Amino acid sequence: MQNINHLNTYIVRSTLFLAVFFLPALFHFSAQAQDSKVIYSTPATTLKKPEPEKDSKRQGLLFILQGGYGAPGGDMRTRFGSHGEAGAGVFWKTRGNWLFGVDGSYIFGEKVKENPVSALGGSSQVIFNAAGSVATLAYHERGFRTPVAKVGKLFHLNTGRNTGDLNGIVVSAGIGFFQHYIDIQDQGHGFLQVSGEYMKGYDRMRNGPCITQSIGWMASSNSALANFMLSFEFMEAFTTSNRYNFKNNVRDTGRHYDYTYGLRLSWAIPALNNGARDYEYY
């Protein structure tokens, strides 16, 4: 019943996302502004000045470097706090401003809300290492999301300024694989219970398929290196563990609904094809 409720929640959220963000952007920005043409006259012919080739009409590759800050939700919220992300991707931009590509992110956080080895300390919660000293352990959130295959659309905006034409609203959705776990670091290097294969009984690893939706603003200039995008991204993951939990002495076979949301800043390096530039005579 819990899984059904999670699925219903996802359907409602995805529908609201498309209704609020995608459809208005589609109707409002699909009409492209037309540039005016300058006519030069000579005694023999009339020459129409060709329009400059625009990024919005070119196709090619976009190489992406990205970083972000997010928060967990669903079943993840009881285990982790906020986290950072760093990743990269590559996309193919069509002449119709469609985007197809993949990206991935490494996830790292310092706030872990549970003590995965608390059972080893007994009632005193004091854990000793092999040398008889109090063990010094540190816990971190770690994970990744890759590869995420994405499809998106750039709704170009002509700002009227002397800037590049990779300007506008970008809406995208994707599907991929997500994994997270607790990274346990033995800072004293003498706590054998969390070394090697024993670590798997405490790291609470979960993974599974995920889907993403995002909406953002891309701003560019005439410089090929000055193309940035700020976006809001929402990710839902349907995860399982199958780890044996040493704390409870049971195998975690449940299904979990984990999601994250946050802001992402991306730097795009384009490699676009200018194409031919034709002159019209009449």
C-alpha atoms as a PDB file:
ATOM      1  CA  MET A   1       0.000   0.000   0.000  1.00  0.00           C
ATOM      2  CA  GLN A   2       2.933   2.365   0.776  1.00  0.00           C
ATOM      3  CA  ASN A   3       4.416   1.758  -2.684  1.00  0.00           C
ATOM      4  CA  ILE A   4       1.032   2.582  -4.290  1.00  0.00           C
ATOM      5  CA  ASN A   5       0.851   5.828  -2.319  1.00  0.00           C
ATOM      6  CA  HIS A   6       4.395   6.712  -3.440  1.00  0.00           C
ATOM      7  CA  LEU A   7       3.488   6.003  -7.069  1.00  0.00           C
ATOM      8  CA  ASN A   8       0.306   8.120  -6.810  1.00  0.00           C
ATOM      9  CA  THR A   9       2.343  10.935  -5.261  1.00  0.00           C
ATOM     10  CA  TYR A  10       4.844  10.784  -8.134  1.00  0.00           C
ATOM     11  CA  ILE A  11       2.063  10.858 -10.776  1.00  0.00           C
ATOM     12  CA  VAL A  12       0.461  13.910  -9.174  1.00  0.00           C
ATOM     13  CA  ARG A  13       3.791  15.732  -8.873  1.00  0.00           C
ATOM     14  CA  SER A  14       4.844  14.945 -12.417  1.00  0.00           C
ATOM     15  CA  THR A  15       1.461  16.117 -13.769  1.00  0.00           C
ATOM     16  CA  LEU A  16       1.696  19.376 -11.826  1.00  0.00           C
ATOM     17  CA  PHE A  17       5.266  19.896 -13.062  1.00  0.00           C
ATOM     18  CA  LEU A  18       4.243  19.536 -16.690  1.00  0.00           C
ATOM     19  CA  ALA A  19       1.138  21.684 -16.239  1.00  0.00           C
ATOM     20  CA  VAL A  20       2.877  24.524 -14.389  1.00  0.00           C
ATOM     21  CA  PHE A  21       6.176  24.675 -16.253  1.00  0.00           C
ATOM     22  CA  PHE A  22       6.199  22.840 -19.558  1.00  0.00           C
ATOM     23  CA  LEU A  23       2.872  23.756 -21.188  1.00  0.00           C
ATOM     24  CA  PRO A  24       3.009  27.532 -20.550  1.00  0.00           C
ATOM     25  CA  ALA A  25       6.584  27.630 -21.797  1.00  0.00           C
ATOM     26  CA  LEU A  26       5.615  25.652 -24.895  1.00  0.00           C
ATOM     27  CA  PHE A  27       2.782  27.997 -25.891  1.00  0.00           C
ATOM     28  CA  HIS A  28       4.542  31.211 -24.947  1.00  0.00           C
ATOM     29  CA  PHE A  29       8.016  30.655 -26.380  1.00  0.00           C
ATOM     30  CA  SER A  30       7.435  28.446 -29.417  1.00  0.00           C
ATOM     31  CA  ALA A  31       6.804  31.543 -31.603  1.00  0.00           C
ATOM     32  CA  GLN A  32      10.243  32.865 -32.632  1.00  0.00           C
ATOM     33  CA  ALA A  33      10.844  36.555 -33.258  1.00  0.00           C
ATOM     34  CA  GLN A  34      11.880  37.394 -36.815  1.00  0.00           C
ATOM     35  CA  ASP A  35      14.894  39.652 -37.398  1.00  0.00           C
ATOM     36  CA  SER A  36      14.502  42.621 -39.746  1.00  0.00           C
ATOM     37  CA  LYS A  37      16.387  42.561 -43.067  1.00  0.00           C
ATOM     38  CA  VAL A  38      18.420  45.452 -44.483  1.00  0.00           C
ATOM     39  CA  ILE A  39      18.204  46.106 -48.199  1.00  0.00           C
ATOM     40  CA  TYR A  40      21.039  47.662 -50.201  1.00  0.00           C
ATOM     41  CA  SER A  41      20.373  49.076 -53.685  1.00  0.00           C
ATOM     42  CA  THR A  42      22.816  49.475 -56.553  1.00  0.00           C
ATOM     43  CA  PRO A  43      22.192  50.627 -60.150  1.00  0.00           C
ATOM     44  CA  ALA A  44      22.422  47.053 -61.444  1.00  0.00           C
ATOM     45  CA  THR A  45      21.014  44.808 -58.749  1.00  0.00           C
ATOM     46  CA  THR A  46      19.345  44.812 -55.403  1.00  0.00           C
ATOM     47  CA  LEU A  47      21.226  42.797 -52.779  1.00  0.00           C
ATOM     48  CA  LYS A  48      19.529  41.487 -49.687  1.00  0.00           C
ATOM     49  CA  LYS A  49      21.899  41.311 -46.747  1.00  0.00           C
ATOM     50  CA  PRO A  50      21.997  37.761 -45.410  1.00  0.00           C
ATOM     51  CA  GLU A  51      20.833  37.089 -41.876  1.00  0.00           C
ATOM     52  CA  PRO A  52      23.641  36.092 -39.510  1.00  0.00           C
ATOM     53  CA  GLU A  53      23.628  32.426 -38.615  1.00  0.00           C
ATOM     54  CA  LYS A  54      22.194  32.104 -35.144  1.00  0.00           C
ATOM     55  CA  ASP A  55      22.896  29.559 -32.443  1.00  0.00           C
ATOM     56  CA  SER A  56      19.146  28.924 -32.315  1.00  0.00           C
ATOM     57  CA  LYS A  57      19.325  27.680 -35.951  1.00  0.00           C
ATOM     58  CA  ARG A  58      22.569  25.739 -35.640  1.00  0.00           C
ATOM     59  CA  GLN A  59      23.152  22.188 -34.517  1.00  0.00           C
ATOM     60  CA  GLY A  60      26.020  20.516 -32.730  1.00  0.00           C
ATOM     61  CA  LEU A  61      27.373  19.461 -29.368  1.00  0.00           C
ATOM     62  CA  LEU A  62      27.097  21.137 -25.978  1.00  0.00           C
ATOM     63  CA  PHE A  63      29.634  20.024 -23.372  1.00  0.00           C
ATOM     64  CA  ILE A  64      28.358  20.615 -19.832  1.00  0.00           C
ATOM     65  CA  LEU A  65      30.101  21.041 -16.471  1.00  0.00           C
ATOM     66  CA  GLN A  66      27.727  21.436 -13.543  1.00  0.00           C
ATOM     67  CA  GLY A  67      27.452  21.781  -9.789  1.00  0.00           C
ATOM     68  CA  GLY A  68      24.503  22.061  -7.475  1.00  0.00           C
ATOM     69  CA  TYR A  69      23.019  22.057  -3.999  1.00  0.00           C
ATOM     70  CA  GLY A  70      20.037  19.913  -3.042  1.00  0.00           C
ATOM     71  CA  ALA A  71      17.944  18.433  -0.277  1.00  0.00           C
ATOM     72  CA  PRO A  72      16.507  14.927   0.201  1.00  0.00           C
ATOM     73  CA  GLY A  73      12.898  13.861   0.430  1.00  0.00           C
ATOM     74  CA  GLY A  74      10.846  10.717   0.826  1.00  0.00           C
ATOM     75  CA  ASP A  75      12.592   7.857   2.621  1.00  0.00           C
ATOM     76  CA  MET A  76      15.975   9.582   2.200  1.00  0.00           C
ATOM     77  CA  ARG A  77      14.954  12.463   4.423  1.00  0.00           C
ATOM     78  CA  THR A  78      15.190  10.386   7.615  1.00  0.00           C
ATOM     79  CA  ARG A  79      18.803   9.435   6.831  1.00  0.00           C
ATOM     80  CA  PHE A  80      20.512  12.431   5.216  1.00  0.00           C
ATOM     81  CA  GLY A  81      20.556  16.201   5.243  1.00  0.00           C
ATOM     82  CA  SER A  82      21.373  18.578   2.384  1.00  0.00           C
ATOM     83  CA  HIS A  83      24.073  17.654  -0.117  1.00  0.00           C
ATOM     84  CA  GLY A  84      26.220  18.981  -2.933  1.00  0.00           C
ATOM     85  CA  GLU A  85      26.541  17.687  -6.487  1.00  0.00           C
ATOM     86  CA  ALA A  86      29.238  17.860  -9.157  1.00  0.00           C
ATOM     87  CA  GLY A  87      28.969  16.379 -12.630  1.00  0.00           C
ATOM     88  CA  ALA A  88      29.259  16.649 -16.385  1.00  0.00           C
ATOM     89  CA  GLY A  89      27.312  15.850 -19.530  1.00  0.00           C
ATOM     90  CA  VAL A  90      27.146  16.130 -23.293  1.00  0.00           C
ATOM     91  CA  PHE A  91      24.116  17.044 -25.423  1.00  0.00           C
ATOM     92  CA  TRP A  92      23.259  17.250 -29.106  1.00  0.00           C
ATOM     93  CA  LYS A  93      21.360  20.398 -30.057  1.00  0.00           C
ATOM     94  CA  THR A  94      19.210  20.246 -33.181  1.00  0.00           C
ATOM     95  CA  ARG A  95      18.283  23.147 -35.472  1.00  0.00           C
ATOM     96  CA  GLY A  96      14.834  23.048 -33.880  1.00  0.00           C
ATOM     97  CA  ASN A  97      16.380  23.648 -30.431  1.00  0.00           C
ATOM     98  CA  TRP A  98      15.758  20.119 -29.188  1.00  0.00           C
ATOM     99  CA  LEU A  99      18.377  18.705 -26.815  1.00  0.00           C
ATOM    100  CA  PHE A 100      19.334  15.020 -26.553  1.00  0.00           C
ATOM    101  CA  GLY A 101      22.106  13.749 -24.312  1.00  0.00           C
ATOM    102  CA  VAL A 102      23.356  12.244 -21.067  1.00  0.00           C
ATOM    103  CA  ASP A 103      24.734  13.594 -17.820  1.00  0.00           C
ATOM    104  CA  GLY A 104      25.784  12.309 -14.431  1.00  0.00           C
ATOM    105  CA  SER A 105      26.485  13.664 -10.953  1.00  0.00           C
ATOM    106  CA  TYR A 106      28.488  12.679  -7.906  1.00  0.00           C
ATOM    107  CA  ILE A 107      26.643  13.363  -4.638  1.00  0.00           C
ATOM    108  CA  PHE A 108      28.344  14.251  -1.360  1.00  0.00           C
ATOM    109  CA  GLY A 109      27.027  15.418   2.003  1.00  0.00           C
ATOM    110  CA  GLU A 110      28.252  15.747   5.573  1.00  0.00           C
ATOM    111  CA  LYS A 111      24.993  15.376   7.501  1.00  0.00           C
ATOM    112  CA  VAL A 112      24.029  11.797   8.391  1.00  0.00           C
ATOM    113  CA  LYS A 113      21.064  11.582  10.779  1.00  0.00           C
ATOM    114  CA  GLU A 114      21.597   8.030  12.037  1.00  0.00           C
ATOM    115  CA  ASN A 115      24.451   6.099  13.620  1.00  0.00           C
ATOM    116  CA  PRO A 116      24.800   2.909  11.558  1.00  0.00           C
ATOM    117  CA  VAL A 117      27.145   1.212  14.070  1.00  0.00           C
ATOM    118  CA  SER A 118      25.261   2.146  17.257  1.00  0.00           C
ATOM    119  CA  ALA A 119      24.572  -1.531  18.039  1.00  0.00           C
ATOM    120  CA  LEU A 120      28.306  -2.141  18.497  1.00  0.00           C
ATOM    121  CA  GLY A 121      28.476   0.269  21.418  1.00  0.00           C
ATOM    122  CA  GLY A 122      25.835  -1.416  23.547  1.00  0.00           C
ATOM    123  CA  SER A 123      24.019   0.652  26.142  1.00  0.00           C
ATOM    124  CA  SER A 124      27.018   2.952  26.673  1.00  0.00           C
ATOM    125  CA  GLN A 125      27.291   3.790  22.926  1.00  0.00           C
ATOM    126  CA  VAL A 126      31.093   3.790  23.339  1.00  0.00           C
ATOM    127  CA  ILE A 127      32.923   1.836  20.626  1.00  0.00           C
ATOM    128  CA  PHE A 128      36.477   0.585  21.047  1.00  0.00           C
ATOM    129  CA  ASN A 129      38.972  -0.281  18.333  1.00  0.00           C
ATOM    130  CA  ALA A 130      41.366  -3.228  18.205  1.00  0.00           C
ATOM    131  CA  ALA A 131      43.915  -1.398  20.364  1.00  0.00           C
ATOM    132  CA  GLY A 132      41.406  -0.848  23.163  1.00  0.00           C
ATOM    133  CA  SER A 133      41.043   2.865  22.512  1.00  0.00           C
ATOM    134  CA  VAL A 134      37.789   4.669  21.752  1.00  0.00           C
ATOM    135  CA  ALA A 135      37.154   4.422  18.005  1.00  0.00           C
ATOM    136  CA  THR A 136      36.949   7.652  16.020  1.00  0.00           C
ATOM    137  CA  LEU A 137      34.444   7.304  13.184  1.00  0.00           C
ATOM    138  CA  ALA A 138      33.128   9.854  10.698  1.00  0.00           C
ATOM    139  CA  TYR A 139      29.968   9.444   8.606  1.00  0.00           C
ATOM    140  CA  HIS A 140      29.281  11.033   5.224  1.00  0.00           C
ATOM    141  CA  GLU A 141      26.623  10.820   2.556  1.00  0.00           C
ATOM    142  CA  ARG A 142      27.893   9.562  -0.784  1.00  0.00           C
ATOM    143  CA  GLY A 143      26.174   8.588  -4.013  1.00  0.00           C
ATOM    144  CA  PHE A 144      25.845   9.137  -7.716  1.00  0.00           C
ATOM    145  CA  ARG A 145      23.270   9.526 -10.454  1.00  0.00           C
ATOM    146  CA  THR A 146      24.328   8.197 -13.842  1.00  0.00           C
ATOM    147  CA  PRO A 147      23.852   7.769 -16.652  1.00  0.00           C
ATOM    148  CA  VAL A 148      20.784   9.949 -17.046  1.00  0.00           C
ATOM    149  CA  ALA A 149      19.483  10.001 -20.636  1.00  0.00           C
ATOM    150  CA  LYS A 150      17.697  13.303 -21.171  1.00  0.00           C
ATOM    151  CA  VAL A 151      15.557  15.040 -23.741  1.00  0.00           C
ATOM    152  CA  GLY A 152      14.834  18.741 -23.557  1.00  0.00           C
ATOM    153  CA  LYS A 153      13.760  21.841 -25.414  1.00  0.00           C
ATOM    154  CA  LEU A 154      15.288  25.314 -25.556  1.00  0.00           C
ATOM    155  CA  PHE A 155      12.633  28.005 -25.963  1.00  0.00           C
ATOM    156  CA  HIS A 156      14.716  30.782 -27.471  1.00  0.00           C
ATOM    157  CA  LEU A 157      14.280  34.383 -26.358  1.00  0.00           C
ATOM    158  CA  ASN A 158      15.539  37.242 -28.506  1.00  0.00           C
ATOM    159  CA  THR A 159      16.599  39.789 -25.903  1.00  0.00           C
ATOM    160  CA  GLY A 160      17.515  42.401 -28.498  1.00  0.00           C
ATOM    161  CA  ARG A 161      21.020  42.744 -27.081  1.00  0.00           C
ATOM    162  CA  ASN A 162      24.372  41.972 -28.637  1.00  0.00           C
ATOM    163  CA  THR A 163      24.486  38.493 -27.146  1.00  0.00           C
ATOM    164  CA  GLY A 164      24.498  34.921 -28.392  1.00  0.00           C
ATOM    165  CA  ASP A 165      21.297  33.100 -29.105  1.00  0.00           C
ATOM    166  CA  LEU A 166      21.534  30.274 -26.594  1.00  0.00           C
ATOM    167  CA  ASN A 167      19.249  32.414 -24.470  1.00  0.00           C
ATOM    168  CA  GLY A 168      15.961  31.175 -23.142  1.00  0.00           C
ATOM    169  CA  ILE A 169      14.105  28.688 -21.008  1.00  0.00           C
ATOM    170  CA  VAL A 170      15.237  25.057 -21.031  1.00  0.00           C
ATOM    171  CA  VAL A 171      12.820  22.290 -20.011  1.00  0.00           C
ATOM    172  CA  SER A 172      14.024  18.695 -19.810  1.00  0.00           C
ATOM    173  CA  ALA A 173      13.211  15.229 -18.471  1.00  0.00           C
ATOM    174  CA  GLY A 174      15.348  12.119 -18.116  1.00  0.00           C
ATOM    175  CA  ILE A 175      15.707   8.584 -16.845  1.00  0.00           C
ATOM    176  CA  GLY A 176      18.730   6.924 -15.240  1.00  0.00           C
ATOM    177  CA  PHE A 177      20.173   5.136 -12.193  1.00  0.00           C
ATOM    178  CA  PHE A 178      20.591   6.459  -8.638  1.00  0.00           C
ATOM    179  CA  GLN A 179      22.562   5.146  -5.658  1.00  0.00           C
ATOM    180  CA  HIS A 180      23.323   6.455  -2.162  1.00  0.00           C
ATOM    181  CA  TYR A 181      25.013   5.073   0.941  1.00  0.00           C
ATOM    182  CA  ILE A 182      26.700   6.029   4.226  1.00  0.00           C
ATOM    183  CA  ASP A 183      30.459   6.328   3.919  1.00  0.00           C
ATOM    184  CA  ILE A 184      32.064   5.285   7.230  1.00  0.00           C
ATOM    185  CA  GLN A 185      35.619   6.495   7.750  1.00  0.00           C
ATOM    186  CA  ASP A 186      37.722   4.970  10.521  1.00  0.00           C
ATOM    187  CA  GLN A 187      39.954   7.885  11.366  1.00  0.00           C
ATOM    188  CA  GLY A 188      41.945   5.846  13.879  1.00  0.00           C
ATOM    189  CA  HIS A 189      42.488   2.936  11.465  1.00  0.00           C
ATOM    190  CA  GLY A 190      41.913   0.294  14.115  1.00  0.00           C
ATOM    191  CA  PHE A 191      38.206  -0.504  13.963  1.00  0.00           C
ATOM    192  CA  LEU A 192      38.046  -3.828  12.121  1.00  0.00           C
ATOM    193  CA  GLN A 193      34.253  -4.137  12.257  1.00  0.00           C
ATOM    194  CA  VAL A 194      33.816  -1.516   9.518  1.00  0.00           C
ATOM    195  CA  SER A 195      36.628  -2.686   7.246  1.00  0.00           C
ATOM    196  CA  GLY A 196      36.469  -4.767   4.078  1.00  0.00           C
ATOM    197  CA  GLU A 197      33.306  -6.791   3.517  1.00  0.00           C
ATOM    198  CA  TYR A 198      32.007  -5.944   6.996  1.00  0.00           C
ATOM    199  CA  MET A 199      31.351  -2.414   5.768  1.00  0.00           C
ATOM    200  CA  LYS A 200      28.424  -3.662   3.696  1.00  0.00           C
ATOM    201  CA  GLY A 201      26.492  -4.473   6.870  1.00  0.00           C
ATOM    202  CA  TYR A 202      26.553  -0.845   7.958  1.00  0.00           C
ATOM    203  CA  ASP A 203      26.614   1.401   4.886  1.00  0.00           C
ATOM    204  CA  ARG A 204      22.798   1.235   4.208  1.00  0.00           C
ATOM    205  CA  MET A 205      23.336   1.270   0.438  1.00  0.00           C
ATOM    206  CA  ARG A 206      20.237   1.637  -1.738  1.00  0.00           C
ATOM    207  CA  ASN A 207      19.926   2.001  -5.511  1.00  0.00           C
ATOM    208  CA  GLY A 208      17.473   1.799  -8.361  1.00  0.00           C
ATOM    209  CA  PRO A 209      16.027   3.553 -11.425  1.00  0.00           C
ATOM    210  CA  CYS A 210      15.295   7.254 -11.300  1.00  0.00           C
ATOM    211  CA  ILE A 211      13.541   9.924 -13.337  1.00  0.00           C
ATOM    212  CA  THR A 212      14.289  13.654 -13.444  1.00  0.00           C
ATOM    213  CA  GLN A 213      12.500  16.835 -14.455  1.00  0.00           C
ATOM    214  CA  SER A 214      14.068  20.286 -14.644  1.00  0.00           C
ATOM    215  CA  ILE A 215      13.376  23.814 -15.772  1.00  0.00           C
ATOM    216  CA  GLY A 216      15.997  26.526 -16.071  1.00  0.00           C
ATOM    217  CA  TRP A 217      17.235  29.712 -17.703  1.00  0.00           C
ATOM    218  CA  MET A 218      20.186  29.660 -20.105  1.00  0.00           C
ATOM    219  CA  ALA A 219      22.106  32.873 -20.751  1.00  0.00           C
ATOM    220  CA  SER A 220      24.852  33.239 -23.350  1.00  0.00           C
ATOM    221  CA  SER A 221      27.010  35.836 -25.061  1.00  0.00           C
ATOM    222  CA  ASN A 222      28.989  36.064 -28.269  1.00  0.00           C
ATOM    223  CA  SER A 223      31.873  34.407 -26.464  1.00  0.00           C
ATOM    224  CA  ALA A 224      31.860  30.626 -26.869  1.00  0.00           C
ATOM    225  CA  LEU A 225      32.940  30.240 -23.242  1.00  0.00           C
ATOM    226  CA  ALA A 226      30.239  32.412 -21.653  1.00  0.00           C
ATOM    227  CA  ASN A 227      27.168  30.173 -21.639  1.00  0.00           C
ATOM    228  CA  PHE A 228      25.559  29.435 -18.287  1.00  0.00           C
ATOM    229  CA  MET A 229      22.310  27.909 -17.063  1.00  0.00           C
ATOM    230  CA  LEU A 230      20.624  28.043 -13.662  1.00  0.00           C
ATOM    231  CA  SER A 231      17.969  25.371 -13.221  1.00  0.00           C
ATOM    232  CA  PHE A 232      15.720  23.724 -10.654  1.00  0.00           C
ATOM    233  CA  GLU A 233      15.732  19.927 -10.802  1.00  0.00           C
ATOM    234  CA  PHE A 234      13.502  17.322  -9.180  1.00  0.00           C
ATOM    235  CA  MET A 235      14.493  13.640  -9.103  1.00  0.00           C
ATOM    236  CA  GLU A 236      12.502  10.602  -8.000  1.00  0.00           C
ATOM    237  CA  ALA A 237      14.172   7.216  -7.419  1.00  0.00           C
ATOM    238  CA  PHE A 238      12.637   3.819  -6.718  1.00  0.00           C
ATOM    239  CA  THR A 239      15.293   2.023  -4.701  1.00  0.00           C
ATOM    240  CA  THR A 240      15.980  -1.279  -2.962  1.00  0.00           C
ATOM    241  CA  SER A 241      18.869  -2.423  -0.777  1.00  0.00           C
ATOM    242  CA  ASN A 242      19.283  -6.198  -0.302  1.00  0.00           C
ATOM    243  CA  ARG A 243      22.023  -5.390   2.232  1.00  0.00           C
ATOM    244  CA  TYR A 244      22.137  -7.411   5.437  1.00  0.00           C
ATOM    245  CA  ASN A 245      21.650  -4.901   8.247  1.00  0.00           C
ATOM    246  CA  PHE A 246      23.976  -5.793  11.139  1.00  0.00           C
ATOM    247  CA  LYS A 247      22.228  -3.306  13.399  1.00  0.00           C
ATOM    248  CA  ASN A 248      18.886  -5.136  13.242  1.00  0.00           C
ATOM    249  CA  ASN A 249      20.221  -8.533  12.084  1.00  0.00           C
ATOM    250  CA  VAL A 250      17.811  -8.582   9.137  1.00  0.00           C
ATOM    251  CA  ARG A 251      18.125  -8.226   5.377  1.00  0.00           C
ATOM    252  CA  ASP A 252      16.603  -5.028   4.010  1.00  0.00           C
ATOM    253  CA  THR A 253      14.296  -6.232   1.238  1.00  0.00           C
ATOM    254  CA  GLY A 254      11.854  -3.317   1.289  1.00  0.00           C
ATOM    255  CA  ARG A 255      11.177  -0.918  -1.551  1.00  0.00           C
ATOM    256  CA  HIS A 256      11.875   2.752  -0.975  1.00  0.00           C
ATOM    257  CA  TYR A 257      10.861   6.031  -2.564  1.00  0.00           C
ATOM    258  CA  ASP A 258      13.766   8.512  -2.483  1.00  0.00           C
ATOM    259  CA  TYR A 259      13.766  11.927  -4.101  1.00  0.00           C
ATOM    260  CA  THR A 260      15.927  15.023  -4.210  1.00  0.00           C
ATOM    261  CA  TYR A 261      15.336  18.605  -5.309  1.00  0.00           C
ATOM    262  CA  GLY A 262      17.579  21.621  -5.659  1.00  0.00           C
ATOM    263  CA  LEU A 263      19.366  24.202  -7.782  1.00  0.00           C
ATOM    264  CA  ARG A 264      22.029  23.485 -10.374  1.00  0.00           C
ATOM    265  CA  LEU A 265      24.468  25.829 -12.116  1.00  0.00           C
ATOM    266  CA  SER A 266      25.805  24.597 -15.461  1.00  0.00           C
ATOM    267  CA  TRP A 267      28.546  25.856 -17.778  1.00  0.00           C
ATOM    268  CA  ALA A 268      27.997  24.965 -21.433  1.00  0.00           C
ATOM    269  CA  ILE A 269      30.801  24.857 -24.010  1.00  0.00           C
ATOM    270  CA  PRO A 270      29.208  24.724 -27.500  1.00  0.00           C
ATOM    271  CA  ALA A 271      30.635  23.137 -30.637  1.00  0.00           C
ATOM    272  CA  LEU A 272      27.970  24.143 -33.155  1.00  0.00           C
ATOM    273  CA  ASN A 273      27.936  23.858 -36.947  1.00  0.00           C
ATOM    274  CA  ASN A 274      27.555  27.281 -38.597  1.00  0.00           C
ATOM    275  CA  GLY A 275      26.308  25.840 -41.888  1.00  0.00           C
ATOM    276  CA  ALA A 276      26.221  27.609 -45.253  1.00  0.00           C
ATOM    277  CA  ARG A 277      25.338  31.275 -45.632  1.00  0.00           C
ATOM    278  CA  ASP A 278      23.461  32.004 -48.834  1.00  0.00           C
ATOM    279  CA  TYR A 279      22.862  35.352 -50.537  1.00  0.00           C
ATOM    280  CA  GLU A 280      19.631  36.018 -52.351  1.00  0.00           C
ATOM    281  CA  TYR A 281      19.621  38.144 -55.531  1.00  0.00           C
ATOM    282  CA  TYR A 282      16.659  39.470 -57.368  1.00  0.00           C
END
